[in-house]
C-alpha atoms as a PDB file:
ATOM      1  CA  UNK A   1      37.727 100.215 -26.782  1.00  0.00           C
ATOM      2  CA  UNK A   2      34.415 100.077 -28.745  1.00  0.00           C
ATOM      3  CA  UNK A   3      33.859  96.521 -27.248  1.00  0.00           C
ATOM      4  CA  UNK A   4      33.415  97.639 -23.686  1.00  0.00           C
ATOM      5  CA  UNK A   5      29.872  99.167 -23.861  1.00  0.00           C
ATOM      6  CA  UNK A   6      28.981  95.923 -25.776  1.00  0.00           C
ATOM      7  CA  UNK A   7      30.533  93.871 -22.879  1.00  0.00           C
ATOM      8  CA  UNK A   8      29.449  95.850 -19.845  1.00  0.00           C
ATOM      9  CA  UNK A   9      25.877  95.765 -21.695  1.00  0.00           C
ATOM     10  CA  UNK A  10      25.903  91.831 -22.119  1.00  0.00           C
ATOM     11  CA  UNK A  11      27.269  91.919 -18.424  1.00  0.00           C
ATOM     12  CA  UNK A  12      24.599  93.752 -17.334  1.00  0.00           C
ATOM     13  CA  UNK A  13      21.742  91.440 -19.415  1.00  0.00           C
ATOM     14  CA  UNK A  14      23.817  88.352 -17.356  1.00  0.00           C
ATOM     15  CA  UNK A  15      23.136  89.974 -14.206  1.00  0.00           C
ATOM     16  CA  UNK A  16      19.305  90.793 -14.934  1.00  0.00           C
ATOM     17  CA  UNK A  17      18.415  87.304 -16.237  1.00  0.00           C
ATOM     18  CA  UNK A  18      19.865  85.681 -13.212  1.00  0.00           C
ATOM     19  CA  UNK A  19      18.270  88.187 -10.684  1.00  0.00           C
ATOM     20  CA  UNK A  20      14.568  86.999 -13.000  1.00  0.00           C
ATOM     21  CA  UNK A  21      15.489  83.352 -12.631  1.00  0.00           C
ATOM     22  CA  UNK A  22      16.413  83.439  -9.002  1.00  0.00           C
ATOM     23  CA  UNK A  23      13.048  85.795  -8.035  1.00  0.00           C
ATOM     24  CA  UNK A  24      11.189  83.436 -10.355  1.00  0.00           C
ATOM     25  CA  UNK A  25      12.681  80.199  -7.836  1.00  0.00           C
ATOM     26  CA  UNK A  26      12.110  81.431  -4.874  1.00  0.00           C
ATOM     27  CA  UNK A  27       8.512  82.642  -5.883  1.00  0.00           C
ATOM     28  CA  UNK A  28       7.608  78.822  -7.021  1.00  0.00           C
ATOM     29  CA  UNK A  29       8.972  77.260  -3.768  1.00  0.00           C
ATOM     30  CA  UNK A  30      12.090  75.700  -5.498  1.00  0.00           C
ATOM     31  CA  UNK A  31      14.095  76.843  -2.024  1.00  0.00           C
ATOM     32  CA  UNK A  32      11.325  74.998   0.725  1.00  0.00           C
ATOM     33  CA  UNK A  33      13.147  71.402   1.033  1.00  0.00           C
ATOM     34  CA  UNK A  34      16.804  71.426   0.972  1.00  0.00           C
ATOM     35  CA  UNK A  35      17.406  68.314   2.820  1.00  0.00           C
ATOM     36  CA  UNK A  36      14.842  65.212   1.237  1.00  0.00           C
ATOM     37  CA  UNK A  37      16.815  65.329  -2.518  1.00  0.00           C
ATOM     38  CA  UNK A  38      20.057  64.404  -0.317  1.00  0.00           C
ATOM     39  CA  UNK A  39      18.293  61.586   1.051  1.00  0.00           C
ATOM     40  CA  UNK A  40      17.196  59.870  -1.926  1.00  0.00           C
ATOM     41  CA  UNK A  41      20.236  58.159  -3.394  1.00  0.00           C
ATOM     42  CA  UNK A  42      20.573  56.548   0.108  1.00  0.00           C
ATOM     43  CA  UNK A  43      16.976  55.054   0.046  1.00  0.00           C
ATOM     44  CA  UNK A  44      16.437  51.583  -0.831  1.00  0.00           C
ATOM     45  CA  UNK A  45      13.570  50.456  -3.511  1.00  0.00           C
ATOM     46  CA  UNK A  46      11.359  48.564  -1.152  1.00  0.00           C
ATOM     47  CA  UNK A  47       9.365  47.131  -4.357  1.00  0.00           C
ATOM     48  CA  UNK A  48      11.104  44.113  -6.090  1.00  0.00           C
ATOM     49  CA  UNK A  49      11.366  44.531  -9.932  1.00  0.00           C
ATOM     50  CA  UNK A  50       8.393  42.851 -11.602  1.00  0.00           C
ATOM     51  CA  UNK A  51       8.526  39.314 -13.256  1.00  0.00           C
ATOM     52  CA  UNK A  52       7.993  38.718 -16.334  1.00  0.00           C
ATOM     53  CA  UNK A  53       4.943  37.801 -18.143  1.00  0.00           C
ATOM     54  CA  UNK A  54       5.159  34.039 -17.655  1.00  0.00           C
ATOM     55  CA  UNK A  55       2.231  33.447 -20.266  1.00  0.00           C
ATOM     56  CA  UNK A  56       3.969  35.335 -22.965  1.00  0.00           C
ATOM     57  CA  UNK A  57       7.651  33.840 -22.038  1.00  0.00           C
ATOM     58  CA  UNK A  58       9.112  37.472 -22.253  1.00  0.00           C
ATOM     59  CA  UNK A  59      12.013  35.691 -19.684  1.00  0.00           C
ATOM     60  CA  UNK A  60      13.839  33.737 -22.663  1.00  0.00           C
ATOM     61  CA  UNK A  61      13.255  35.414 -25.686  1.00  0.00           C
ATOM     62  CA  UNK A  62      14.327  38.774 -24.053  1.00  0.00           C
ATOM     63  CA  UNK A  63      17.643  37.152 -23.356  1.00  0.00           C
ATOM     64  CA  UNK A  64      18.308  36.174 -27.275  1.00  0.00           C
ATOM     65  CA  UNK A  65      19.005  32.559 -26.177  1.00  0.00           C
ATOM     66  CA  UNK A  66      16.992  29.863 -28.111  1.00  0.00           C
ATOM     67  CA  UNK A  67      14.419  27.992 -25.838  1.00  0.00           C
ATOM     68  CA  UNK A  68      15.660  25.056 -23.570  1.00  0.00           C
ATOM     69  CA  UNK A  69      14.452  21.596 -24.390  1.00  0.00           C
ATOM     70  CA  UNK A  70      12.182  20.307 -22.657  1.00  0.00           C
END
């Protein structure tokens, strides 16, 4: 029975911590835009990936293959 007061104290500290975290999030506008984050995975990237620098030959050396004879 001696663990009961300790568990009550720990549970009260958890509730107080959760309350502080919730009010901090509300105060710092964490709940302002709830719709946009849901659409982020559905959006296409409009910019194509950058081309490797042709002056350094990064495209050939990145694959680890020897340069093509030419």
